[in-house]
Amino acid sequence: MAFSNDIFHFYEYDFEEPKNYNSLKLVKYKAYRIAPEEIHLSEIIILLKNLNNNSTISKAPFPQADNFNRIIDLF
């Protein structure tokens, strides 16, 4: 199980060969959102207006987010 962006991700795996760890295969995957929180455009606009271009944020390394759920998780 994993929890990210208010979503619970459940994975079911099976070992095709019980004594071989590398024989792991995904059997089933489900994702559930129990209490979603919406991000409204007005909230994003407020954040952008309050952003200081001289802040240390621009100097900090930015994490890789190759999945939209990870991008939302950053907010």
Foldseek 3Di string as FASTA:
>chain_A
DDAAQQKDKDWDWDQPDVVDPVSIDTDDIDIDHDDHDDDDPVNVVVVVVPDDPPDCVVVDDDDDDPDVRVVSRVD
